[in-house]
Amino acid sequence: TNTADDYKAVKVRFVEGQNSAEVLDFHLYMSPQDVWTG
């Protein structure tokens, strides 16, 4: 949730549990007061 009244760019990154190897990452752009779900 973007709790701000600002537009936000955020990095979303997933890593696996054995050696913390990155398995997915992307940049997400959120409107003010936006909620992103997956």
ModelCIF file with pLDDT and N, C-alpha, C, O atoms, coordinates in Angstrom:
data_MODEL
#
_entry.id   MODEL 
#
_entity.id                         1 
_entity.type                       polymer 
_entity.pdbx_number_of_molecules   1 
#
_entity_poly.entity_id                      1 
_entity_poly.type                           'polypeptide(L)' 
_entity_poly.nstd_linkage                   no 
_entity_poly.nstd_monomer                   no 
_entity_poly.pdbx_seq_one_letter_code       TNTADDYKAVKVRFVEGQNSAEVLDFHLYMSPQDVWTG 
_entity_poly.pdbx_seq_one_letter_code_can   TNTADDYKAVKVRFVEGQNSAEVLDFHLYMSPQDVWTG 
_entity_poly.pdbx_strand_id                 A 
#
loop_
_entity_poly_seq.entity_id 
_entity_poly_seq.num 
_entity_poly_seq.mon_id 
_entity_poly_seq.hetero 
1 1  THR n 
1 2  ASN n 
1 3  THR n 
1 4  ALA n 
1 5  ASP n 
1 6  ASP n 
1 7  TYR n 
1 8  LYS n 
1 9  ALA n 
1 10 VAL n 
1 11 LYS n 
1 12 VAL n 
1 13 ARG n 
1 14 PHE n 
1 15 VAL n 
1 16 GLU n 
1 17 GLY n 
1 18 GLN n 
1 19 ASN n 
1 20 SER n 
1 21 ALA n 
1 22 GLU n 
1 23 VAL n 
1 24 LEU n 
1 25 ASP n 
1 26 PHE n 
1 27 HIS n 
1 28 LEU n 
1 29 TYR n 
1 30 MET n 
1 31 SER n 
1 32 PRO n 
1 33 GLN n 
1 34 ASP n 
1 35 VAL n 
1 36 TRP n 
1 37 THR n 
1 38 GLY n 
#
_struct_asym.id          A 
_struct_asym.entity_id   1 
#
loop_
_ma_qa_metric.id 
_ma_qa_metric.mode 
_ma_qa_metric.name 
_ma_qa_metric.software_group_id 
_ma_qa_metric.type 
1 global pLDDT . pLDDT 
2 local  pLDDT . pLDDT 
#
_ma_qa_metric_global.metric_id      1 
_ma_qa_metric_global.metric_value   92.89 
_ma_qa_metric_global.model_id       1 
_ma_qa_metric_global.ordinal_id     1 
#
loop_
_ma_qa_metric_local.label_asym_id 
_ma_qa_metric_local.label_comp_id 
_ma_qa_metric_local.label_seq_id 
_ma_qa_metric_local.metric_id 
_ma_qa_metric_local.metric_value 
_ma_qa_metric_local.model_id 
_ma_qa_metric_local.ordinal_id 
A THR 1  2 91.00 1 1  
A ASN 2  2 92.00 1 2  
A THR 3  2 90.00 1 3  
A ALA 4  2 92.00 1 4  
A ASP 5  2 95.00 1 5  
A ASP 6  2 95.00 1 6  
A TYR 7  2 96.00 1 7  
A LYS 8  2 95.00 1 8  
A ALA 9  2 93.00 1 9  
A VAL 10 2 93.00 1 10 
A LYS 11 2 93.00 1 11 
A VAL 12 2 93.00 1 12 
A ARG 13 2 94.00 1 13 
A PHE 14 2 96.00 1 14 
A VAL 15 2 96.00 1 15 
A GLU 16 2 96.00 1 16 
A GLY 17 2 93.00 1 17 
A GLN 18 2 92.00 1 18 
A ASN 19 2 91.00 1 19 
A SER 20 2 93.00 1 20 
A ALA 21 2 94.00 1 21 
A GLU 22 2 94.00 1 22 
A VAL 23 2 95.00 1 23 
A LEU 24 2 93.00 1 24 
A ASP 25 2 90.00 1 25 
A PHE 26 2 89.00 1 26 
A HIS 27 2 89.00 1 27 
A LEU 28 2 92.00 1 28 
A TYR 29 2 93.00 1 29 
A MET 30 2 94.00 1 30 
A SER 31 2 94.00 1 31 
A PRO 32 2 95.00 1 32 
A GLN 33 2 93.00 1 33 
A ASP 34 2 92.00 1 34 
A VAL 35 2 92.00 1 35 
A TRP 36 2 90.00 1 36 
A THR 37 2 91.00 1 37 
A GLY 38 2 91.00 1 38 
#
loop_
_atom_site.group_PDB 
_atom_site.id 
_atom_site.type_symbol 
_atom_site.label_atom_id 
_atom_site.label_alt_id 
_atom_site.label_comp_id 
_atom_site.label_asym_id 
_atom_site.label_entity_id 
_atom_site.label_seq_id 
_atom_site.pdbx_PDB_ins_code 
_atom_site.Cartn_x 
_atom_site.Cartn_y 
_atom_site.Cartn_z 
_atom_site.occupancy 
_atom_site.B_iso_or_equiv 
_atom_site.pdbx_formal_charge 
_atom_site.auth_seq_id 
_atom_site.auth_comp_id 
_atom_site.auth_asym_id 
_atom_site.auth_atom_id 
_atom_site.pdbx_PDB_model_num 
ATOM 1   N N  . THR A 1 1  ? 0.833  -1.196  0.000   1.00 91.00 ? 1  THR A N  1 
ATOM 2   C CA . THR A 1 1  ? 0.000  0.000   0.000   1.00 91.00 ? 1  THR A CA 1 
ATOM 3   C C  . THR A 1 1  ? 0.868  1.246   0.000   1.00 91.00 ? 1  THR A C  1 
ATOM 4   O O  . THR A 1 1  ? 1.783  1.378   0.813   1.00 91.00 ? 1  THR A O  1 
ATOM 5   N N  . ASN A 1 2  ? 0.578  2.151   -0.909  1.00 92.00 ? 2  ASN A N  1 
ATOM 6   C CA . ASN A 1 2  ? 1.201  3.470   -0.916  1.00 92.00 ? 2  ASN A CA 1 
ATOM 7   C C  . ASN A 1 2  ? 0.317  4.354   -0.049  1.00 92.00 ? 2  ASN A C  1 
ATOM 8   O O  . ASN A 1 2  ? -0.751 4.783   -0.485  1.00 92.00 ? 2  ASN A O  1 
ATOM 9   N N  . THR A 1 3  ? 0.750  4.626   1.164   1.00 90.00 ? 3  THR A N  1 
ATOM 10  C CA . THR A 1 3  ? -0.052 5.414   2.101   1.00 90.00 ? 3  THR A CA 1 
ATOM 11  C C  . THR A 1 3  ? 0.124  6.912   1.901   1.00 90.00 ? 3  THR A C  1 
ATOM 12  O O  . THR A 1 3  ? -0.511 7.711   2.589   1.00 90.00 ? 3  THR A O  1 
ATOM 13  N N  . ALA A 1 4  ? 0.979  7.296   0.966   1.00 92.00 ? 4  ALA A N  1 
ATOM 14  C CA . ALA A 1 4  ? 1.271  8.713   0.735   1.00 92.00 ? 4  ALA A CA 1 
ATOM 15  C C  . ALA A 1 4  ? 0.352  9.311   -0.329  1.00 92.00 ? 4  ALA A C  1 
ATOM 16  O O  . ALA A 1 4  ? -0.312 8.591   -1.074  1.00 92.00 ? 4  ALA A O  1 
ATOM 17  N N  . ASP A 1 5  ? 0.329  10.619  -0.383  1.00 95.00 ? 5  ASP A N  1 
ATOM 18  C CA . ASP A 1 5  ? -0.398 11.331  -1.431  1.00 95.00 ? 5  ASP A CA 1 
ATOM 19  C C  . ASP A 1 5  ? 0.523  11.639  -2.607  1.00 95.00 ? 5  ASP A C  1 
ATOM 20  O O  . ASP A 1 5  ? 0.253  12.541  -3.400  1.00 95.00 ? 5  ASP A O  1 
ATOM 21  N N  . ASP A 1 6  ? 1.606  10.885  -2.710  1.00 95.00 ? 6  ASP A N  1 
ATOM 22  C CA . ASP A 1 6  ? 2.602  11.047  -3.768  1.00 95.00 ? 6  ASP A CA 1 
ATOM 23  C C  . ASP A 1 6  ? 2.598  9.825   -4.681  1.00 95.00 ? 6  ASP A C  1 
ATOM 24  O O  . ASP A 1 6  ? 2.137  8.748   -4.302  1.00 95.00 ? 6  ASP A O  1 
ATOM 25  N N  . TYR A 1 7  ? 3.116  10.013  -5.881  1.00 96.00 ? 7  TYR A N  1 
ATOM 26  C CA . TYR A 1 7  ? 3.332  8.904   -6.805  1.00 96.00 ? 7  TYR A CA 1 
ATOM 27  C C  . TYR A 1 7  ? 4.657  8.252   -6.429  1.00 96.00 ? 7  TYR A C  1 
ATOM 28  O O  . TYR A 1 7  ? 5.633  8.950   -6.152  1.00 96.00 ? 7  TYR A O  1 
ATOM 29  N N  . LYS A 1 8  ? 4.701  6.928   -6.417  1.00 95.00 ? 8  LYS A N  1 
ATOM 30  C CA . LYS A 1 8  ? 5.889  6.219   -5.953  1.00 95.00 ? 8  LYS A CA 1 
ATOM 31  C C  . LYS A 1 8  ? 6.396  5.217   -6.984  1.00 95.00 ? 8  LYS A C  1 
ATOM 32  O O  . LYS A 1 8  ? 5.624  4.585   -7.705  1.00 95.00 ? 8  LYS A O  1 
ATOM 33  N N  . ALA A 1 9  ? 7.727  5.096   -7.028  1.00 93.00 ? 9  ALA A N  1 
ATOM 34  C CA . ALA A 1 9  ? 8.399  4.041   -7.770  1.00 93.00 ? 9  ALA A CA 1 
ATOM 35  C C  . ALA A 1 9  ? 9.033  3.134   -6.723  1.00 93.00 ? 9  ALA A C  1 
ATOM 36  O O  . ALA A 1 9  ? 9.817  3.597   -5.894  1.00 93.00 ? 9  ALA A O  1 
ATOM 37  N N  . VAL A 1 10 ? 8.698  1.844   -6.754  1.00 93.00 ? 10 VAL A N  1 
ATOM 38  C CA . VAL A 1 10 ? 9.233  0.905   -5.768  1.00 93.00 ? 10 VAL A CA 1 
ATOM 39  C C  . VAL A 1 10 ? 9.845  -0.309  -6.461  1.00 93.00 ? 10 VAL A C  1 
ATOM 40  O O  . VAL A 1 10 ? 9.403  -0.724  -7.532  1.00 93.00 ? 10 VAL A O  1 
ATOM 41  N N  . LYS A 1 11 ? 10.855 -0.857  -5.832  1.00 93.00 ? 11 LYS A N  1 
ATOM 42  C CA . LYS A 1 11 ? 11.519 -2.070  -6.317  1.00 93.00 ? 11 LYS A CA 1 
ATOM 43  C C  . LYS A 1 11 ? 10.903 -3.246  -5.576  1.00 93.00 ? 11 LYS A C  1 
ATOM 44  O O  . LYS A 1 11 ? 10.845 -3.248  -4.347  1.00 93.00 ? 11 LYS A O  1 
ATOM 45  N N  . VAL A 1 12 ? 10.441 -4.248  -6.322  1.00 93.00 ? 12 VAL A N  1 
ATOM 46  C CA . VAL A 1 12 ? 9.894  -5.467  -5.742  1.00 93.00 ? 12 VAL A CA 1 
ATOM 47  C C  . VAL A 1 12 ? 10.850 -6.593  -6.125  1.00 93.00 ? 12 VAL A C  1 
ATOM 48  O O  . VAL A 1 12 ? 11.121 -6.806  -7.307  1.00 93.00 ? 12 VAL A O  1 
ATOM 49  N N  . ARG A 1 13 ? 11.363 -7.314  -5.125  1.00 94.00 ? 13 ARG A N  1 
ATOM 50  C CA . ARG A 1 13 ? 12.399 -8.318  -5.384  1.00 94.00 ? 13 ARG A CA 1 
ATOM 51  C C  . ARG A 1 13 ? 12.119 -9.580  -4.579  1.00 94.00 ? 13 ARG A C  1 
ATOM 52  O O  . ARG A 1 13 ? 11.859 -9.519  -3.378  1.00 94.00 ? 13 ARG A O  1 
ATOM 53  N N  . PHE A 1 14 ? 12.176 -10.728 -5.261  1.00 96.00 ? 14 PHE A N  1 
ATOM 54  C CA . PHE A 1 14 ? 11.982 -12.030 -4.632  1.00 96.00 ? 14 PHE A CA 1 
ATOM 55  C C  . PHE A 1 14 ? 13.292 -12.806 -4.706  1.00 96.00 ? 14 PHE A C  1 
ATOM 56  O O  . PHE A 1 14 ? 13.936 -12.831 -5.754  1.00 96.00 ? 14 PHE A O  1 
ATOM 57  N N  . VAL A 1 15 ? 13.695 -13.442 -3.602  1.00 96.00 ? 15 VAL A N  1 
ATOM 58  C CA . VAL A 1 15 ? 14.896 -14.273 -3.576  1.00 96.00 ? 15 VAL A CA 1 
ATOM 59  C C  . VAL A 1 15 ? 14.567 -15.621 -2.958  1.00 96.00 ? 15 VAL A C  1 
ATOM 60  O O  . VAL A 1 15 ? 13.735 -15.727 -2.058  1.00 96.00 ? 15 VAL A O  1 
ATOM 61  N N  . GLU A 1 16 ? 15.245 -16.655 -3.465  1.00 96.00 ? 16 GLU A N  1 
ATOM 62  C CA . GLU A 1 16 ? 14.992 -18.002 -2.948  1.00 96.00 ? 16 GLU A CA 1 
ATOM 63  C C  . GLU A 1 16 ? 15.672 -18.182 -1.595  1.00 96.00 ? 16 GLU A C  1 
ATOM 64  O O  . GLU A 1 16 ? 16.570 -17.418 -1.241  1.00 96.00 ? 16 GLU A O  1 
ATOM 65  N N  . GLY A 1 17 ? 15.245 -19.192 -0.840  1.00 93.00 ? 17 GLY A N  1 
ATOM 66  C CA . GLY A 1 17 ? 15.660 -19.331 0.544   1.00 93.00 ? 17 GLY A CA 1 
ATOM 67  C C  . GLY A 1 17 ? 16.995 -19.993 0.806   1.00 93.00 ? 17 GLY A C  1 
ATOM 68  O O  . GLY A 1 17 ? 17.542 -19.819 1.895   1.00 93.00 ? 17 GLY A O  1 
ATOM 69  N N  . GLN A 1 18 ? 17.548 -20.739 -0.130  1.00 92.00 ? 18 GLN A N  1 
ATOM 70  C CA . GLN A 1 18 ? 18.779 -21.472 0.152   1.00 92.00 ? 18 GLN A CA 1 
ATOM 71  C C  . GLN A 1 18 ? 20.013 -20.572 0.132   1.00 92.00 ? 18 GLN A C  1 
ATOM 72  O O  . GLN A 1 18 ? 20.800 -20.579 1.078   1.00 92.00 ? 18 GLN A O  1 
ATOM 73  N N  . ASN A 1 19 ? 20.189 -19.795 -0.944  1.00 91.00 ? 19 ASN A N  1 
ATOM 74  C CA . ASN A 1 19 ? 21.376 -18.941 -1.074  1.00 91.00 ? 19 ASN A CA 1 
ATOM 75  C C  . ASN A 1 19 ? 21.031 -17.499 -1.417  1.00 91.00 ? 19 ASN A C  1 
ATOM 76  O O  . ASN A 1 19 ? 21.911 -16.734 -1.813  1.00 91.00 ? 19 ASN A O  1 
ATOM 77  N N  . SER A 1 20 ? 19.783 -17.119 -1.275  1.00 93.00 ? 20 SER A N  1 
ATOM 78  C CA . SER A 1 20 ? 19.310 -15.767 -1.593  1.00 93.00 ? 20 SER A CA 1 
ATOM 79  C C  . SER A 1 20 ? 19.572 -15.359 -3.032  1.00 93.00 ? 20 SER A C  1 
ATOM 80  O O  . SER A 1 20 ? 19.878 -14.198 -3.305  1.00 93.00 ? 20 SER A O  1 
ATOM 81  N N  . ALA A 1 21 ? 19.456 -16.300 -3.947  1.00 94.00 ? 21 ALA A N  1 
ATOM 82  C CA . ALA A 1 21 ? 19.556 -15.979 -5.377  1.00 94.00 ? 21 ALA A CA 1 
ATOM 83  C C  . ALA A 1 21 ? 18.260 -15.290 -5.804  1.00 94.00 ? 21 ALA A C  1 
ATOM 84  O O  . ALA A 1 21 ? 17.165 -15.721 -5.440  1.00 94.00 ? 21 ALA A O  1 
ATOM 85  N N  . GLU A 1 22 ? 18.397 -14.223 -6.574  1.00 94.00 ? 22 GLU A N  1 
ATOM 86  C CA . GLU A 1 22 ? 17.231 -13.483 -7.043  1.00 94.00 ? 22 GLU A CA 1 
ATOM 87  C C  . GLU A 1 22 ? 16.460 -14.335 -8.058  1.00 94.00 ? 22 GLU A C  1 
ATOM 88  O O  . GLU A 1 22 ? 17.043 -14.894 -8.987  1.00 94.00 ? 22 GLU A O  1 
ATOM 89  N N  . VAL A 1 23 ? 15.142 -14.421 -7.863  1.00 95.00 ? 23 VAL A N  1 
ATOM 90  C CA . VAL A 1 23 ? 14.313 -15.213 -8.777  1.00 95.00 ? 23 VAL A CA 1 
ATOM 91  C C  . VAL A 1 23 ? 13.311 -14.357 -9.556  1.00 95.00 ? 23 VAL A C  1 
ATOM 92  O O  . VAL A 1 23 ? 12.776 -14.801 -10.572 1.00 95.00 ? 23 VAL A O  1 
ATOM 93  N N  . LEU A 1 24 ? 13.055 -13.131 -9.083  1.00 93.00 ? 24 LEU A N  1 
ATOM 94  C CA . LEU A 1 24 ? 12.187 -12.202 -9.804  1.00 93.00 ? 24 LEU A CA 1 
ATOM 95  C C  . LEU A 1 24 ? 12.368 -10.825 -9.200  1.00 93.00 ? 24 LEU A C  1 
ATOM 96  O O  . LEU A 1 24 ? 12.417 -10.677 -7.979  1.00 93.00 ? 24 LEU A O  1 
ATOM 97  N N  . ASP A 1 25 ? 12.467 -9.815  -10.054 1.00 90.00 ? 25 ASP A N  1 
ATOM 98  C CA . ASP A 1 25 ? 12.430 -8.447  -9.559  1.00 90.00 ? 25 ASP A CA 1 
ATOM 99  C C  . ASP A 1 25 ? 11.882 -7.542  -10.644 1.00 90.00 ? 25 ASP A C  1 
ATOM 100 O O  . ASP A 1 25 ? 12.020 -7.816  -11.836 1.00 90.00 ? 25 ASP A O  1 
ATOM 101 N N  . PHE A 1 26 ? 11.258 -6.463  -10.210 1.00 89.00 ? 26 PHE A N  1 
ATOM 102 C CA . PHE A 1 26 ? 10.710 -5.479  -11.136 1.00 89.00 ? 26 PHE A CA 1 
ATOM 103 C C  . PHE A 1 26 ? 10.479 -4.178  -10.388 1.00 89.00 ? 26 PHE A C  1 
ATOM 104 O O  . PHE A 1 26 ? 10.502 -4.143  -9.158  1.00 89.00 ? 26 PHE A O  1 
ATOM 105 N N  . HIS A 1 27 ? 10.256 -3.114  -11.138 1.00 89.00 ? 27 HIS A N  1 
ATOM 106 C CA . HIS A 1 27 ? 9.931  -1.805  -10.576 1.00 89.00 ? 27 HIS A CA 1 
ATOM 107 C C  . HIS A 1 27 ? 8.433  -1.598  -10.738 1.00 89.00 ? 27 HIS A C  1 
ATOM 108 O O  . HIS A 1 27 ? 7.886  -1.805  -11.822 1.00 89.00 ? 27 HIS A O  1 
ATOM 109 N N  . LEU A 1 28 ? 7.784  -1.199  -9.686  1.00 92.00 ? 28 LEU A N  1 
ATOM 110 C CA . LEU A 1 28 ? 6.341  -1.004  -9.652  1.00 92.00 ? 28 LEU A CA 1 
ATOM 111 C C  . LEU A 1 28 ? 6.050  0.479   -9.462  1.00 92.00 ? 28 LEU A C  1 
ATOM 112 O O  . LEU A 1 28 ? 6.678  1.132   -8.628  1.00 92.00 ? 28 LEU A O  1 
ATOM 113 N N  . TYR A 1 29 ? 5.117  1.009   -10.218 1.00 93.00 ? 29 TYR A N  1 
ATOM 114 C CA . TYR A 1 29 ? 4.757  2.420   -10.150 1.00 93.00 ? 29 TYR A CA 1 
ATOM 115 C C  . TYR A 1 29 ? 3.355  2.539   -9.575  1.00 93.00 ? 29 TYR A C  1 
ATOM 116 O O  . TYR A 1 29 ? 2.397  1.985   -10.115 1.00 93.00 ? 29 TYR A O  1 
ATOM 117 N N  . MET A 1 30 ? 3.247  3.280   -8.457  1.00 94.00 ? 30 MET A N  1 
ATOM 118 C CA . MET A 1 30 ? 1.997  3.344   -7.718  1.00 94.00 ? 30 MET A CA 1 
ATOM 119 C C  . MET A 1 30 ? 1.445  4.755   -7.656  1.00 94.00 ? 30 MET A C  1 
ATOM 120 O O  . MET A 1 30 ? 2.183  5.719   -7.450  1.00 94.00 ? 30 MET A O  1 
ATOM 121 N N  . SER A 1 31 ? 0.135  4.863   -7.839  1.00 94.00 ? 31 SER A N  1 
ATOM 122 C CA . SER A 1 31 ? -0.589 6.127   -7.664  1.00 94.00 ? 31 SER A CA 1 
ATOM 123 C C  . SER A 1 31 ? -0.668 6.467   -6.179  1.00 94.00 ? 31 SER A C  1 
ATOM 124 O O  . SER A 1 31 ? -0.419 5.604   -5.337  1.00 94.00 ? 31 SER A O  1 
ATOM 125 N N  . PRO A 1 32 ? -1.009 7.707   -5.849  1.00 95.00 ? 32 PRO A N  1 
ATOM 126 C CA . PRO A 1 32 ? -1.231 8.047   -4.442  1.00 95.00 ? 32 PRO A CA 1 
ATOM 127 C C  . PRO A 1 32 ? -2.325 7.165   -3.837  1.00 95.00 ? 32 PRO A C  1 
ATOM 128 O O  . PRO A 1 32 ? -3.340 6.898   -4.479  1.00 95.00 ? 32 PRO A O  1 
ATOM 129 N N  . GLN A 1 33 ? -2.115 6.720   -2.612  1.00 93.00 ? 33 GLN A N  1 
ATOM 130 C CA . GLN A 1 33 ? -3.084 5.896   -1.872  1.00 93.00 ? 33 GLN A CA 1 
ATOM 131 C C  . GLN A 1 33 ? -3.441 4.604   -2.610  1.00 93.00 ? 33 GLN A C  1 
ATOM 132 O O  . GLN A 1 33 ? -4.545 4.083   -2.452  1.00 93.00 ? 33 GLN A O  1 
ATOM 133 N N  . ASP A 1 34 ? -2.533 4.099   -3.395  1.00 92.00 ? 34 ASP A N  1 
ATOM 134 C CA . ASP A 1 34 ? -2.751 2.906   -4.222  1.00 92.00 ? 34 ASP A CA 1 
ATOM 135 C C  . ASP A 1 34 ? -2.469 1.641   -3.420  1.00 92.00 ? 34 ASP A C  1 
ATOM 136 O O  . ASP A 1 34 ? -1.632 1.646   -2.517  1.00 92.00 ? 34 ASP A O  1 
ATOM 137 N N  . VAL A 1 35 ? -3.163 0.566   -3.749  1.00 92.00 ? 35 VAL A N  1 
ATOM 138 C CA . VAL A 1 35 ? -2.897 -0.754  -3.175  1.00 92.00 ? 35 VAL A CA 1 
ATOM 139 C C  . VAL A 1 35 ? -2.611 -1.700  -4.332  1.00 92.00 ? 35 VAL A C  1 
ATOM 140 O O  . VAL A 1 35 ? -3.390 -1.783  -5.282  1.00 92.00 ? 35 VAL A O  1 
ATOM 141 N N  . TRP A 1 36 ? -1.492 -2.413  -4.250  1.00 90.00 ? 36 TRP A N  1 
ATOM 142 C CA . TRP A 1 36 ? -1.114 -3.401  -5.261  1.00 90.00 ? 36 TRP A CA 1 
ATOM 143 C C  . TRP A 1 36 ? -1.154 -4.765  -4.599  1.00 90.00 ? 36 TRP A C  1 
ATOM 144 O O  . TRP A 1 36 ? -0.639 -4.931  -3.493  1.00 90.00 ? 36 TRP A O  1 
ATOM 145 N N  . THR A 1 37 ? -1.765 -5.749  -5.263  1.00 91.00 ? 37 THR A N  1 
ATOM 146 C CA . THR A 1 37 ? -1.891 -7.091  -4.693  1.00 91.00 ? 37 THR A CA 1 
ATOM 147 C C  . THR A 1 37 ? -1.446 -8.144  -5.696  1.00 91.00 ? 37 THR A C  1 
ATOM 148 O O  . THR A 1 37 ? -1.466 -7.923  -6.907  1.00 91.00 ? 37 THR A O  1 
ATOM 149 N N  . GLY A 1 38 ? -1.049 -9.275  -5.175  1.00 91.00 ? 38 GLY A N  1 
ATOM 150 C CA . GLY A 1 38 ? -0.666 -10.403 -6.005  1.00 91.00 ? 38 GLY A CA 1 
ATOM 151 C C  . GLY A 1 38 ? -0.636 -11.671 -5.165  1.00 91.00 ? 38 GLY A C  1 
ATOM 152 O O  . GLY A 1 38 ? -0.333 -12.746 -5.682  1.00 91.00 ? 38 GLY A O  1 
#
